[in-house]
């Protein structure tokens, strides 16, 4: 595991997070809603998504034991990016 992590870090081109927030409903009440995605772009090693702990993370929530969960191909990355956007029914009417 340590060797794999070392290879990923050496290949790391960039890392990024995207958070989408909107006015929505929770339990029938107006509430802010959000979805996020955290990604490592490791060049020839592909895209790696950190899914746990879920975004947004709080200080101290990521530890050395936190998993980097899985590799994703470019097509999967586009699907995950579009999945961040709310559906029409999730938007709160004004």
N, C-alpha and C. Protein backbone atom coordinates (compact mmCIF):
# COMPACT_ATOMS: atom_id res chain seq x y z
N UNK A 1 0.82 -1.19 0.00
CA UNK A 1 0.00 0.00 0.00
C UNK A 1 0.86 1.26 0.00
N UNK A 2 1.93 1.29 0.79
CA UNK A 2 2.80 2.47 0.86
C UNK A 2 3.48 2.72 -0.49
N UNK A 3 3.88 1.65 -1.18
CA UNK A 3 4.53 1.80 -2.49
C UNK A 3 3.56 2.38 -3.52
N UNK A 4 2.31 1.92 -3.48
CA UNK A 4 1.29 2.43 -4.40
C UNK A 4 1.03 3.91 -4.13
N UNK A 5 0.91 4.27 -2.87
CA UNK A 5 0.68 5.68 -2.51
C UNK A 5 1.86 6.54 -2.94
N UNK A 6 3.07 6.05 -2.77
CA UNK A 6 4.26 6.79 -3.20
C UNK A 6 4.24 7.02 -4.71
N UNK A 7 3.89 5.99 -5.49
CA UNK A 7 3.81 6.12 -6.94
C UNK A 7 2.76 7.16 -7.34
N UNK A 8 1.61 7.14 -6.66
CA UNK A 8 0.55 8.11 -6.96
C UNK A 8 1.00 9.53 -6.67
N UNK A 9 1.63 9.73 -5.54
CA UNK A 9 2.08 11.08 -5.16
C UNK A 9 3.13 11.59 -6.14
N UNK A 10 4.04 10.72 -6.58
CA UNK A 10 5.06 11.13 -7.54
C UNK A 10 4.45 11.47 -8.90
N UNK A 11 3.34 10.84 -9.26
CA UNK A 11 2.67 11.10 -10.54
C UNK A 11 1.64 12.22 -10.44
N UNK A 12 1.42 12.77 -9.24
CA UNK A 12 0.36 13.75 -9.02
C UNK A 12 0.59 15.03 -9.83
N UNK A 13 -0.33 15.32 -10.74
CA UNK A 13 -0.30 16.56 -11.52
C UNK A 13 -1.03 17.68 -10.78
N UNK A 14 -2.16 17.33 -10.22
CA UNK A 14 -2.98 18.31 -9.50
C UNK A 14 -4.00 17.57 -8.64
N UNK A 15 -4.59 18.32 -7.73
CA UNK A 15 -5.71 17.78 -6.96
C UNK A 15 -6.74 18.89 -6.88
N UNK A 16 -7.99 18.50 -6.86
CA UNK A 16 -9.05 19.50 -6.85
C UNK A 16 -10.30 18.97 -6.16
N UNK A 17 -11.08 19.92 -5.71
CA UNK A 17 -12.39 19.64 -5.10
C UNK A 17 -13.40 20.54 -5.79
N UNK A 18 -14.56 20.00 -5.98
CA UNK A 18 -15.68 20.78 -6.51
C UNK A 18 -16.84 20.60 -5.54
N UNK A 19 -17.45 21.72 -5.16
CA UNK A 19 -18.63 21.68 -4.30
C UNK A 19 -19.74 22.46 -4.99
N UNK A 20 -20.91 21.85 -5.09
CA UNK A 20 -22.09 22.49 -5.67
C UNK A 20 -23.09 22.68 -4.54
N UNK A 21 -23.57 23.91 -4.37
CA UNK A 21 -24.55 24.21 -3.30
C UNK A 21 -25.77 24.87 -3.92
N UNK A 22 -26.95 24.57 -3.37
CA UNK A 22 -28.18 25.16 -3.86
C UNK A 22 -29.22 25.21 -2.75
N UNK A 23 -30.26 26.03 -2.97
CA UNK A 23 -31.39 26.08 -2.04
C UNK A 23 -32.28 24.88 -2.32
N UNK A 24 -32.53 24.12 -1.29
CA UNK A 24 -33.34 22.92 -1.46
C UNK A 24 -34.29 22.72 -0.30
N UNK A 25 -34.73 21.49 -0.14
CA UNK A 25 -35.66 21.13 0.92
C UNK A 25 -35.13 19.91 1.66
N UNK A 26 -35.28 19.92 2.98
CA UNK A 26 -34.94 18.77 3.81
C UNK A 26 -36.06 18.62 4.83
N UNK A 27 -36.69 17.46 4.85
CA UNK A 27 -37.83 17.20 5.74
C UNK A 27 -38.91 18.26 5.57
N UNK A 28 -39.13 18.67 4.31
CA UNK A 28 -40.18 19.63 4.01
C UNK A 28 -39.84 21.08 4.34
N UNK A 29 -38.64 21.33 4.82
CA UNK A 29 -38.23 22.69 5.19
C UNK A 29 -37.16 23.18 4.23
N UNK A 30 -37.13 24.50 4.02
CA UNK A 30 -36.08 25.13 3.21
C UNK A 30 -34.72 24.85 3.86
N UNK A 31 -33.76 24.39 3.06
CA UNK A 31 -32.44 24.06 3.62
C UNK A 31 -31.39 24.15 2.53
N UNK A 32 -30.17 24.57 2.88
CA UNK A 32 -29.09 24.53 1.90
C UNK A 32 -28.69 23.07 1.64
N UNK A 33 -28.43 22.74 0.40
CA UNK A 33 -28.04 21.39 0.01
C UNK A 33 -26.70 21.48 -0.69
N UNK A 34 -25.91 20.40 -0.65
CA UNK A 34 -24.64 20.42 -1.38
C UNK A 34 -24.19 19.02 -1.72
N UNK A 35 -23.34 18.97 -2.75
CA UNK A 35 -22.64 17.75 -3.16
C UNK A 35 -21.21 18.15 -3.51
N UNK A 36 -20.27 17.25 -3.25
CA UNK A 36 -18.87 17.56 -3.52
C UNK A 36 -18.13 16.36 -4.08
N UNK A 37 -16.99 16.64 -4.66
CA UNK A 37 -16.13 15.62 -5.23
C UNK A 37 -14.68 16.04 -5.01
N UNK A 38 -13.84 15.13 -4.54
CA UNK A 38 -12.41 15.40 -4.34
C UNK A 38 -11.62 14.42 -5.20
N UNK A 39 -10.69 14.96 -6.02
CA UNK A 39 -9.99 14.14 -7.02
C UNK A 39 -8.50 14.43 -7.01
N UNK A 40 -7.70 13.39 -7.20
CA UNK A 40 -6.27 13.50 -7.49
C UNK A 40 -6.10 13.16 -8.96
N UNK A 41 -5.49 14.05 -9.74
CA UNK A 41 -5.14 13.77 -11.13
C UNK A 41 -3.69 13.30 -11.12
N UNK A 42 -3.50 12.01 -11.28
CA UNK A 42 -2.17 11.42 -11.19
C UNK A 42 -1.60 11.06 -12.56
N UNK A 43 -1.91 11.89 -13.55
CA UNK A 43 -1.33 11.72 -14.88
C UNK A 43 -1.51 10.32 -15.42
N UNK A 44 -0.40 9.62 -15.70
CA UNK A 44 -0.51 8.28 -16.28
C UNK A 44 -1.13 7.25 -15.32
N UNK A 45 -1.21 7.60 -14.04
CA UNK A 45 -1.83 6.70 -13.05
C UNK A 45 -3.33 6.94 -12.93
N UNK A 46 -3.85 7.90 -13.70
CA UNK A 46 -5.29 8.13 -13.76
C UNK A 46 -5.82 9.06 -12.68
N UNK A 47 -7.13 9.10 -12.57
CA UNK A 47 -7.83 9.91 -11.58
C UNK A 47 -8.17 9.04 -10.38
N UNK A 48 -7.95 9.58 -9.19
CA UNK A 48 -8.27 8.87 -7.96
C UNK A 48 -9.24 9.73 -7.16
N UNK A 49 -10.32 9.13 -6.71
CA UNK A 49 -11.37 9.85 -6.01
C UNK A 49 -11.33 9.50 -4.53
N UNK A 50 -11.32 10.55 -3.70
CA UNK A 50 -11.42 10.31 -2.26
C UNK A 50 -12.89 10.44 -1.90
N UNK A 51 -13.47 9.33 -1.48
CA UNK A 51 -14.90 9.31 -1.15
C UNK A 51 -15.16 9.30 0.35
N UNK A 52 -14.16 8.94 1.13
CA UNK A 52 -14.35 8.91 2.58
C UNK A 52 -13.20 9.61 3.25
N UNK A 53 -13.42 10.49 4.19
CA UNK A 53 -14.74 10.95 4.57
C UNK A 53 -15.34 11.79 3.44
N UNK A 54 -16.66 11.84 3.43
CA UNK A 54 -17.36 12.58 2.39
C UNK A 54 -17.06 14.06 2.48
N UNK A 55 -17.10 14.71 1.32
CA UNK A 55 -16.99 16.17 1.27
C UNK A 55 -18.29 16.77 1.80
N UNK A 56 -18.30 17.93 2.35
CA UNK A 56 -17.14 18.71 2.74
C UNK A 56 -16.53 18.14 4.01
N UNK A 57 -15.23 18.18 4.10
CA UNK A 57 -14.57 17.62 5.28
C UNK A 57 -14.34 18.71 6.32
N UNK A 58 -14.32 18.29 7.54
CA UNK A 58 -14.09 19.19 8.66
C UNK A 58 -12.65 19.03 9.14
N UNK A 59 -12.08 20.04 9.79
CA UNK A 59 -10.71 19.92 10.29
C UNK A 59 -10.54 18.68 11.17
N UNK A 60 -9.46 17.94 10.92
CA UNK A 60 -9.15 16.75 11.70
C UNK A 60 -9.87 15.50 11.23
N UNK A 61 -10.72 15.61 10.22
CA UNK A 61 -11.50 14.46 9.77
C UNK A 61 -10.69 13.51 8.90
N UNK A 62 -9.66 14.01 8.19
CA UNK A 62 -8.81 13.16 7.37
C UNK A 62 -7.57 12.82 8.17
N UNK A 63 -7.32 11.53 8.29
CA UNK A 63 -6.17 11.02 9.04
C UNK A 63 -5.35 10.11 8.12
N UNK A 64 -4.17 9.68 8.57
CA UNK A 64 -3.40 8.73 7.75
C UNK A 64 -4.16 7.43 7.45
N UNK A 65 -5.16 7.12 8.24
CA UNK A 65 -5.94 5.91 8.02
C UNK A 65 -7.10 6.12 7.04
N UNK A 66 -7.35 7.35 6.60
CA UNK A 66 -8.45 7.64 5.68
C UNK A 66 -8.19 7.00 4.32
N UNK A 67 -9.18 6.29 3.77
CA UNK A 67 -8.96 5.61 2.49
C UNK A 67 -9.04 6.55 1.29
N UNK A 68 -8.19 6.28 0.30
CA UNK A 68 -8.32 6.87 -1.03
C UNK A 68 -9.01 5.77 -1.82
N UNK A 69 -10.27 5.98 -2.16
CA UNK A 69 -11.10 4.84 -2.46
C UNK A 69 -10.95 4.18 -3.81
N UNK A 70 -10.90 4.95 -4.90
CA UNK A 70 -10.83 4.20 -6.16
C UNK A 70 -10.39 5.02 -7.34
N UNK A 71 -9.95 4.28 -8.34
CA UNK A 71 -9.49 4.83 -9.61
C UNK A 71 -10.69 5.01 -10.53
N UNK A 72 -10.71 6.11 -11.31
CA UNK A 72 -11.81 6.34 -12.24
C UNK A 72 -11.27 6.72 -13.61
N UNK A 73 -11.89 6.21 -14.63
CA UNK A 73 -11.55 6.59 -16.00
C UNK A 73 -12.18 7.94 -16.32
N UNK A 74 -11.72 8.58 -17.40
CA UNK A 74 -12.19 9.92 -17.76
C UNK A 74 -13.71 9.96 -17.92
N UNK A 75 -14.30 8.97 -18.55
CA UNK A 75 -15.77 8.94 -18.72
C UNK A 75 -16.49 8.89 -17.39
N UNK A 76 -15.96 8.13 -16.46
CA UNK A 76 -16.55 8.05 -15.11
C UNK A 76 -16.43 9.39 -14.40
N UNK A 77 -15.30 10.08 -14.61
CA UNK A 77 -15.13 11.40 -14.00
C UNK A 77 -16.19 12.36 -14.50
N UNK A 78 -16.48 12.36 -15.81
CA UNK A 78 -17.51 13.24 -16.35
C UNK A 78 -18.88 12.91 -15.75
N UNK A 79 -19.18 11.62 -15.59
CA UNK A 79 -20.46 11.23 -14.98
C UNK A 79 -20.54 11.73 -13.54
N UNK A 80 -19.45 11.57 -12.79
CA UNK A 80 -19.44 12.03 -11.40
C UNK A 80 -19.59 13.56 -11.32
N UNK A 81 -18.97 14.28 -12.26
CA UNK A 81 -19.11 15.73 -12.28
C UNK A 81 -20.55 16.15 -12.56
N UNK A 82 -21.19 15.52 -13.53
CA UNK A 82 -22.58 15.89 -13.84
C UNK A 82 -23.53 15.45 -12.72
N UNK A 83 -23.18 14.39 -12.00
CA UNK A 83 -24.01 13.94 -10.87
C UNK A 83 -24.02 14.95 -9.73
N UNK A 84 -23.06 15.87 -9.70
CA UNK A 84 -23.04 16.91 -8.66
C UNK A 84 -24.20 17.89 -8.81
N UNK A 85 -24.66 18.09 -10.04
CA UNK A 85 -25.72 19.07 -10.29
C UNK A 85 -27.06 18.57 -9.76
N UNK A 86 -27.85 19.45 -9.14
CA UNK A 86 -29.15 19.03 -8.62
C UNK A 86 -30.15 18.77 -9.74
N UNK A 87 -31.05 17.85 -9.49
CA UNK A 87 -32.18 17.61 -10.39
C UNK A 87 -33.20 18.72 -10.16
N UNK A 88 -34.07 18.96 -11.12
CA UNK A 88 -35.07 20.02 -11.01
C UNK A 88 -35.93 19.86 -9.76
N UNK A 89 -36.30 18.64 -9.40
CA UNK A 89 -37.15 18.41 -8.23
C UNK A 89 -36.42 18.70 -6.92
N UNK A 90 -35.08 18.74 -6.95
CA UNK A 90 -34.31 19.03 -5.74
C UNK A 90 -34.19 20.53 -5.45
N UNK A 91 -34.51 21.34 -6.43
CA UNK A 91 -34.41 22.80 -6.24
C UNK A 91 -35.63 23.32 -5.50
N UNK A 92 -35.40 24.22 -4.56
CA UNK A 92 -36.48 24.79 -3.79
C UNK A 92 -37.19 25.86 -4.61
N UNK A 93 -38.53 25.79 -4.71
CA UNK A 93 -39.25 26.85 -5.42
C UNK A 93 -39.16 28.15 -4.64
N UNK A 94 -39.04 29.24 -5.35
CA UNK A 94 -38.96 30.57 -4.70
C UNK A 94 -40.31 31.19 -4.62
